[in-house]
Amino acid sequence: GGGLVQDGGSLRLSCAASGRTFSTYAMGWFR
């Protein structure tokens, strides 16, 4: 979902996880 956008614009990032334990983790975004 990343890319180039102008100032004031919007983007939505997605993060797909493998495995059946996804719901047991806290999830974070860093940059």
PDB file of all heavy atoms in Angstrom:
ATOM      1  N   GLY A   1       0.781  -1.234   0.000  1.00  0.00           N
ATOM      2  CA  GLY A   1       0.000   0.000   0.000  1.00  0.00           C
ATOM      3  C   GLY A   1       0.808   1.277   0.000  1.00  0.00           C
ATOM      4  O   GLY A   1       0.239   2.371  -0.062  1.00  0.00           O
ATOM      5  N   GLY A   2       2.118   1.164   0.085  1.00  0.00           N
ATOM      6  CA  GLY A   2       2.939   2.366   0.035  1.00  0.00           C
ATOM      7  C   GLY A   2       2.955   2.977  -1.350  1.00  0.00           C
ATOM      8  O   GLY A   2       2.430   2.408  -2.312  1.00  0.00           O
ATOM      9  N   GLY A   3       3.547   4.156  -1.443  1.00  0.00           N
ATOM     10  CA  GLY A   3       3.635   4.823  -2.737  1.00  0.00           C
ATOM     11  C   GLY A   3       3.957   6.287  -2.595  1.00  0.00           C
ATOM     12  O   GLY A   3       4.348   6.749  -1.515  1.00  0.00           O
ATOM     13  N   LEU A   4       3.780   7.005  -3.706  1.00  0.00           N
ATOM     14  CA  LEU A   4       4.030   8.437  -3.760  1.00  0.00           C
ATOM     15  C   LEU A   4       2.693   9.178  -3.702  1.00  0.00           C
ATOM     16  O   LEU A   4       1.765   8.858  -4.455  1.00  0.00           O
ATOM     17  CB  LEU A   4       4.763   8.785  -5.059  1.00  0.00           C
ATOM     18  CG  LEU A   4       4.999  10.267  -5.357  1.00  0.00           C
ATOM     19  CD1 LEU A   4       5.913  10.890  -4.308  1.00  0.00           C
ATOM     20  CD2 LEU A   4       5.578  10.433  -6.762  1.00  0.00           C
ATOM     21  N   VAL A   5       2.606  10.155  -2.814  1.00  0.00           N
ATOM     22  CA  VAL A   5       1.366  10.906  -2.645  1.00  0.00           C
ATOM     23  C   VAL A   5       1.715  12.369  -2.388  1.00  0.00           C
ATOM     24  O   VAL A   5       2.783  12.671  -1.849  1.00  0.00           O
ATOM     25  CB  VAL A   5       0.521  10.315  -1.489  1.00  0.00           C
ATOM     26  CG1 VAL A   5       1.247  10.443  -0.161  1.00  0.00           C
ATOM     27  CG2 VAL A   5      -0.864  10.931  -1.436  1.00  0.00           C
ATOM     28  N   GLN A   6       0.829  13.247  -2.774  1.00  0.00           N
ATOM     29  CA  GLN A   6       1.069  14.667  -2.547  1.00  0.00           C
ATOM     30  C   GLN A   6       0.733  15.054  -1.114  1.00  0.00           C
ATOM     31  O   GLN A   6      -0.056  14.381  -0.434  1.00  0.00           O
ATOM     32  CB  GLN A   6       0.237  15.503  -3.519  1.00  0.00           C
ATOM     33  CG  GLN A   6       0.705  15.413  -4.964  1.00  0.00           C
ATOM     34  CD  GLN A   6      -0.003  16.422  -5.852  1.00  0.00           C
ATOM     35  OE1 GLN A   6      -1.126  16.813  -5.589  1.00  0.00           O
ATOM     36  NE2 GLN A   6       0.675  16.831  -6.916  1.00  0.00           N
ATOM     37  N   ASP A   7       1.344  16.147  -0.689  1.00  0.00           N
ATOM     38  CA  ASP A   7       1.076  16.696   0.633  1.00  0.00           C
ATOM     39  C   ASP A   7      -0.441  16.875   0.819  1.00  0.00           C
ATOM     40  O   ASP A   7      -1.118  17.413  -0.054  1.00  0.00           O
ATOM     41  CB  ASP A   7       1.783  18.040   0.761  1.00  0.00           C
ATOM     42  CG  ASP A   7       1.686  18.607   2.159  1.00  0.00           C
ATOM     43  OD1 ASP A   7       2.469  18.177   3.008  1.00  0.00           O
ATOM     44  OD2 ASP A   7       0.820  19.474   2.381  1.00  0.00           O
ATOM     45  N   GLY A   8      -0.960  16.377   1.950  1.00  0.00           N
ATOM     46  CA  GLY A   8      -2.391  16.450   2.220  1.00  0.00           C
ATOM     47  C   GLY A   8      -3.172  15.237   1.748  1.00  0.00           C
ATOM     48  O   GLY A   8      -4.368  15.101   2.044  1.00  0.00           O
ATOM     49  N   GLY A   9      -2.519  14.339   1.049  1.00  0.00           N
ATOM     50  CA  GLY A   9      -3.179  13.158   0.524  1.00  0.00           C
ATOM     51  C   GLY A   9      -3.306  12.040   1.548  1.00  0.00           C
ATOM     52  O   GLY A   9      -2.951  12.203   2.724  1.00  0.00           O
ATOM     53  N   SER A  10      -3.807  10.895   1.073  1.00  0.00           N
ATOM     54  CA  SER A  10      -4.053   9.752   1.951  1.00  0.00           C
ATOM     55  C   SER A  10      -3.496   8.471   1.338  1.00  0.00           C
ATOM     56  O   SER A  10      -3.403   8.341   0.113  1.00  0.00           O
ATOM     57  CB  SER A  10      -5.560   9.563   2.178  1.00  0.00           C
ATOM     58  OG  SER A  10      -6.130  10.676   2.821  1.00  0.00           O
ATOM     59  N   LEU A  11      -3.160   7.555   2.205  1.00  0.00           N
ATOM     60  CA  LEU A  11      -2.769   6.202   1.814  1.00  0.00           C
ATOM     61  C   LEU A  11      -3.259   5.244   2.894  1.00  0.00           C
ATOM     62  O   LEU A  11      -3.378   5.638   4.059  1.00  0.00           O
ATOM     63  CB  LEU A  11      -1.243   6.070   1.702  1.00  0.00           C
ATOM     64  CG  LEU A  11      -0.524   6.606   0.476  1.00  0.00           C
ATOM     65  CD1 LEU A  11       0.983   6.473   0.660  1.00  0.00           C
ATOM     66  CD2 LEU A  11      -0.968   5.895  -0.795  1.00  0.00           C
ATOM     67  N   ARG A  12      -3.514   4.006   2.495  1.00  0.00           N
ATOM     68  CA  ARG A  12      -3.809   2.965   3.475  1.00  0.00           C
ATOM     69  C   ARG A  12      -2.799   1.852   3.309  1.00  0.00           C
ATOM     70  O   ARG A  12      -2.716   1.239   2.236  1.00  0.00           O
ATOM     71  CB  ARG A  12      -5.228   2.424   3.330  1.00  0.00           C
ATOM     72  CG  ARG A  12      -5.568   1.458   4.477  1.00  0.00           C
ATOM     73  CD  ARG A  12      -7.007   0.994   4.456  1.00  0.00           C
ATOM     74  NE  ARG A  12      -7.212  -0.132   3.556  1.00  0.00           N
ATOM     75  CZ  ARG A  12      -8.181  -1.035   3.701  1.00  0.00           C
ATOM     76  NH1 ARG A  12      -9.015  -0.945   4.730  1.00  0.00           N
ATOM     77  NH2 ARG A  12      -8.317  -2.006   2.826  1.00  0.00           N
ATOM     78  N   LEU A  13      -2.058   1.595   4.351  1.00  0.00           N
ATOM     79  CA  LEU A  13      -1.125   0.487   4.369  1.00  0.00           C
ATOM     80  C   LEU A  13      -1.807  -0.750   4.927  1.00  0.00           C
ATOM     81  O   LEU A  13      -2.642  -0.661   5.829  1.00  0.00           O
ATOM     82  CB  LEU A  13       0.096   0.822   5.229  1.00  0.00           C
ATOM     83  CG  LEU A  13       0.863   2.098   4.882  1.00  0.00           C
ATOM     84  CD1 LEU A  13       2.083   2.238   5.797  1.00  0.00           C
ATOM     85  CD2 LEU A  13       1.263   2.127   3.434  1.00  0.00           C
ATOM     86  N   SER A  14      -1.436  -1.889   4.356  1.00  0.00           N
ATOM     87  CA  SER A  14      -1.931  -3.171   4.850  1.00  0.00           C
ATOM     88  C   SER A  14      -0.750  -4.047   5.230  1.00  0.00           C
ATOM     89  O   SER A  14       0.329  -3.945   4.641  1.00  0.00           O
ATOM     90  CB  SER A  14      -2.761  -3.880   3.778  1.00  0.00           C
ATOM     91  OG  SER A  14      -3.883  -3.115   3.412  1.00  0.00           O
ATOM     92  N   CYS A  15      -0.980  -4.904   6.184  1.00  0.00           N
ATOM     93  CA  CYS A  15       0.055  -5.860   6.595  1.00  0.00           C
ATOM     94  C   CYS A  15      -0.629  -7.208   6.778  1.00  0.00           C
ATOM     95  O   CYS A  15      -1.432  -7.382   7.705  1.00  0.00           O
ATOM     96  CB  CYS A  15       0.721  -5.403   7.881  1.00  0.00           C
ATOM     97  SG  CYS A  15       1.877  -6.614   8.589  1.00  0.00           S
ATOM     98  N   ALA A  16      -0.321  -8.127   5.886  1.00  0.00           N
ATOM     99  CA  ALA A  16      -0.922  -9.460   5.935  1.00  0.00           C
ATOM    100  C   ALA A  16       0.002 -10.402   6.689  1.00  0.00           C
ATOM    101  O   ALA A  16       1.216 -10.459   6.418  1.00  0.00           O
ATOM    102  CB  ALA A  16      -1.163  -9.972   4.523  1.00  0.00           C
ATOM    103  N   ALA A  17      -0.576 -11.136   7.622  1.00  0.00           N
ATOM    104  CA  ALA A  17       0.199 -12.053   8.454  1.00  0.00           C
ATOM    105  C   ALA A  17      -0.128 -13.499   8.122  1.00  0.00           C
ATOM    106  O   ALA A  17      -1.279 -13.839   7.849  1.00  0.00           O
ATOM    107  CB  ALA A  17      -0.088 -11.798   9.929  1.00  0.00           C
ATOM    108  N   SER A  18       0.879 -14.335   8.159  1.00  0.00           N
ATOM    109  CA  SER A  18       0.663 -15.768   7.973  1.00  0.00           C
ATOM    110  C   SER A  18       0.474 -16.415   9.342  1.00  0.00           C
ATOM    111  O   SER A  18       0.808 -15.845  10.370  1.00  0.00           O
ATOM    112  CB  SER A  18       1.863 -16.399   7.279  1.00  0.00           C
ATOM    113  OG  SER A  18       3.001 -16.323   8.118  1.00  0.00           O
ATOM    114  N   GLY A  19      -0.071 -17.627   9.347  1.00  0.00           N
ATOM    115  CA  GLY A  19      -0.196 -18.346  10.597  1.00  0.00           C
ATOM    116  C   GLY A  19      -1.521 -18.117  11.294  1.00  0.00           C
ATOM    117  O   GLY A  19      -2.220 -17.138  11.038  1.00  0.00           O
ATOM    118  N   ARG A  20      -1.839 -19.025  12.207  1.00  0.00           N
ATOM    119  CA  ARG A  20      -3.125 -18.986  12.888  1.00  0.00           C
ATOM    120  C   ARG A  20      -3.070 -18.273  14.223  1.00  0.00           C
ATOM    121  O   ARG A  20      -4.044 -18.247  14.951  1.00  0.00           O
ATOM    122  CB  ARG A  20      -3.636 -20.415  13.082  1.00  0.00           C
ATOM    123  CG  ARG A  20      -4.063 -21.085  11.789  1.00  0.00           C
ATOM    124  CD  ARG A  20      -4.550 -22.487  12.035  1.00  0.00           C
ATOM    125  NE  ARG A  20      -3.432 -23.410  12.249  1.00  0.00           N
ATOM    126  CZ  ARG A  20      -3.575 -24.710  12.442  1.00  0.00           C
ATOM    127  NH1 ARG A  20      -4.771 -25.243  12.504  1.00  0.00           N
ATOM    128  NH2 ARG A  20      -2.529 -25.463  12.600  1.00  0.00           N
ATOM    129  N   THR A  21      -1.911 -17.663  14.549  1.00  0.00           N
ATOM    130  CA  THR A  21      -1.766 -17.032  15.853  1.00  0.00           C
ATOM    131  C   THR A  21      -1.820 -15.510  15.791  1.00  0.00           C
ATOM    132  O   THR A  21      -1.533 -14.843  16.772  1.00  0.00           O
ATOM    133  CB  THR A  21      -0.433 -17.453  16.484  1.00  0.00           C
ATOM    134  OG1 THR A  21       0.641 -17.057  15.625  1.00  0.00           O
ATOM    135  CG2 THR A  21      -0.400 -18.950  16.712  1.00  0.00           C
ATOM    136  N   PHE A  22      -2.205 -14.968  14.645  1.00  0.00           N
ATOM    137  CA  PHE A  22      -2.215 -13.513  14.466  1.00  0.00           C
ATOM    138  C   PHE A  22      -2.980 -12.820  15.576  1.00  0.00           C
ATOM    139  O   PHE A  22      -2.542 -11.812  16.122  1.00  0.00           O
ATOM    140  CB  PHE A  22      -2.839 -13.181  13.109  1.00  0.00           C
ATOM    141  CG  PHE A  22      -3.066 -11.717  12.886  1.00  0.00           C
ATOM    142  CD1 PHE A  22      -2.018 -10.878  12.550  1.00  0.00           C
ATOM    143  CD2 PHE A  22      -4.344 -11.165  13.000  1.00  0.00           C
ATOM    144  CE1 PHE A  22      -2.227  -9.523  12.333  1.00  0.00           C
ATOM    145  CE2 PHE A  22      -4.562  -9.811  12.785  1.00  0.00           C
ATOM    146  CZ  PHE A  22      -3.499  -8.990  12.455  1.00  0.00           C
ATOM    147  N   SER A  23      -4.142 -13.351  15.935  1.00  0.00           N
ATOM    148  CA  SER A  23      -5.002 -12.677  16.914  1.00  0.00           C
ATOM    149  C   SER A  23      -4.385 -12.615  18.310  1.00  0.00           C
ATOM    150  O   SER A  23      -4.847 -11.848  19.158  1.00  0.00           O
ATOM    151  CB  SER A  23      -6.362 -13.371  16.977  1.00  0.00           C
ATOM    152  OG  SER A  23      -6.211 -14.697  17.433  1.00  0.00           O
ATOM    153  N   THR A  24      -3.357 -13.400  18.557  1.00  0.00           N
ATOM    154  CA  THR A  24      -2.743 -13.414  19.888  1.00  0.00           C
ATOM    155  C   THR A  24      -1.657 -12.353  20.054  1.00  0.00           C
ATOM    156  O   THR A  24      -1.127 -12.179  21.150  1.00  0.00           O
ATOM    157  CB  THR A  24      -2.136 -14.783  20.205  1.00  0.00           C
ATOM    158  OG1 THR A  24      -1.023 -15.012  19.330  1.00  0.00           O
ATOM    159  CG2 THR A  24      -3.153 -15.898  20.053  1.00  0.00           C
ATOM    160  N   TYR A  25      -1.315 -11.651  18.975  1.00  0.00           N
ATOM    161  CA  TYR A  25      -0.251 -10.655  19.012  1.00  0.00           C
ATOM    162  C   TYR A  25      -0.809  -9.236  19.018  1.00  0.00           C
ATOM    163  O   TYR A  25      -1.819  -8.943  18.360  1.00  0.00           O
ATOM    164  CB  TYR A  25       0.653 -10.800  17.794  1.00  0.00           C
ATOM    165  CG  TYR A  25       1.552 -12.001  17.825  1.00  0.00           C
ATOM    166  CD1 TYR A  25       1.153 -13.197  17.258  1.00  0.00           C
ATOM    167  CD2 TYR A  25       2.807 -11.935  18.420  1.00  0.00           C
ATOM    168  CE1 TYR A  25       1.973 -14.311  17.285  1.00  0.00           C
ATOM    169  CE2 TYR A  25       3.637 -13.044  18.440  1.00  0.00           C
ATOM    170  CZ  TYR A  25       3.211 -14.218  17.882  1.00  0.00           C
ATOM    171  OH  TYR A  25       4.031 -15.312  17.906  1.00  0.00           O
ATOM    172  N   ALA A  26      -0.129  -8.359  19.746  1.00  0.00           N
ATOM    173  CA  ALA A  26      -0.294  -6.933  19.502  1.00  0.00           C
ATOM    174  C   ALA A  26       0.444  -6.625  18.201  1.00  0.00           C
ATOM    175  O   ALA A  26       1.450  -7.266  17.883  1.00  0.00           O
ATOM    176  CB  ALA A  26       0.302  -6.128  20.651  1.00  0.00           C
ATOM    177  N   MET A  27      -0.055  -5.657  17.455  1.00  0.00           N
ATOM    178  CA  MET A  27       0.558  -5.295  16.177  1.00  0.00           C
ATOM    179  C   MET A  27       0.946  -3.827  16.190  1.00  0.00           C
ATOM    180  O   MET A  27       0.215  -2.983  16.718  1.00  0.00           O
ATOM    181  CB  MET A  27      -0.429  -5.555  15.039  1.00  0.00           C
ATOM    182  CG  MET A  27      -0.828  -7.016  14.888  1.00  0.00           C
ATOM    183  SD  MET A  27       0.551  -8.114  14.528  1.00  0.00           S
ATOM    184  CE  MET A  27       1.079  -7.479  12.927  1.00  0.00           C
ATOM    185  N   GLY A  28       2.077  -3.545  15.599  1.00  0.00           N
ATOM    186  CA  GLY A  28       2.554  -2.172  15.565  1.00  0.00           C
ATOM    187  C   GLY A  28       2.997  -1.757  14.179  1.00  0.00           C
ATOM    188  O   GLY A  28       3.320  -2.596  13.337  1.00  0.00           O
ATOM    189  N   TRP A  29       2.965  -0.447  13.957  1.00  0.00           N
ATOM    190  CA  TRP A  29       3.557   0.154  12.765  1.00  0.00           C
ATOM    191  C   TRP A  29       4.702   1.063  13.229  1.00  0.00           C
ATOM    192  O   TRP A  29       4.515   1.872  14.155  1.00  0.00           O
ATOM    193  CB  TRP A  29       2.538   0.979  11.991  1.00  0.00           C
ATOM    194  CG  TRP A  29       1.560   0.164  11.207  1.00  0.00           C
ATOM    195  CD1 TRP A  29       0.296  -0.200  11.585  1.00  0.00           C
ATOM    196  CD2 TRP A  29       1.760  -0.379   9.893  1.00  0.00           C
ATOM    197  NE1 TRP A  29      -0.293  -0.950  10.599  1.00  0.00           N
ATOM    198  CE2 TRP A  29       0.584  -1.073   9.540  1.00  0.00           C
ATOM    199  CE3 TRP A  29       2.812  -0.365   8.976  1.00  0.00           C
ATOM    200  CZ2 TRP A  29       0.426  -1.731   8.316  1.00  0.00           C
ATOM    201  CZ3 TRP A  29       2.652  -1.014   7.774  1.00  0.00           C
ATOM    202  CH2 TRP A  29       1.476  -1.695   7.455  1.00  0.00           C
ATOM    203  N   PHE A  30       5.837   0.911  12.588  1.00  0.00           N
ATOM    204  CA  PHE A  30       6.994   1.754  12.812  1.00  0.00           C
ATOM    205  C   PHE A  30       7.393   2.358  11.466  1.00  0.00           C
ATOM    206  O   PHE A  30       6.964   1.890  10.410  1.00  0.00           O
ATOM    207  CB  PHE A  30       8.162   0.924  13.365  1.00  0.00           C
ATOM    208  CG  PHE A  30       7.978   0.501  14.800  1.00  0.00           C
ATOM    209  CD1 PHE A  30       7.077  -0.505  15.121  1.00  0.00           C
ATOM    210  CD2 PHE A  30       8.691   1.097  15.818  1.00  0.00           C
ATOM    211  CE1 PHE A  30       6.886  -0.898  16.442  1.00  0.00           C
ATOM    212  CE2 PHE A  30       8.510   0.709  17.139  1.00  0.00           C
ATOM    213  CZ  PHE A  30       7.609  -0.291  17.442  1.00  0.00           C
ATOM    214  N   ARG A  31       8.215   3.399  11.523  1.00  0.00           N
ATOM    215  CA  ARG A  31       8.719   3.972  10.278  1.00  0.00           C
ATOM    216  C   ARG A  31      10.163   4.396  10.459  1.00  0.00           C
ATOM    217  O   ARG A  31      10.596   4.701  11.567  1.00  0.00           O
ATOM    218  CB  ARG A  31       7.854   5.154   9.835  1.00  0.00           C
ATOM    219  CG  ARG A  31       7.919   6.378  10.742  1.00  0.00           C
ATOM    220  CD  ARG A  31       6.902   7.409  10.281  1.00  0.00           C
ATOM    221  NE  ARG A  31       6.947   8.612  11.117  1.00  0.00           N
ATOM    222  CZ  ARG A  31       6.067   9.610  11.020  1.00  0.00           C
ATOM    223  NH1 ARG A  31       5.069   9.567  10.132  1.00  0.00           N
ATOM    224  NH2 ARG A  31       6.197  10.667  11.809  1.00  0.00           N
TER     225      ARG A  31
END
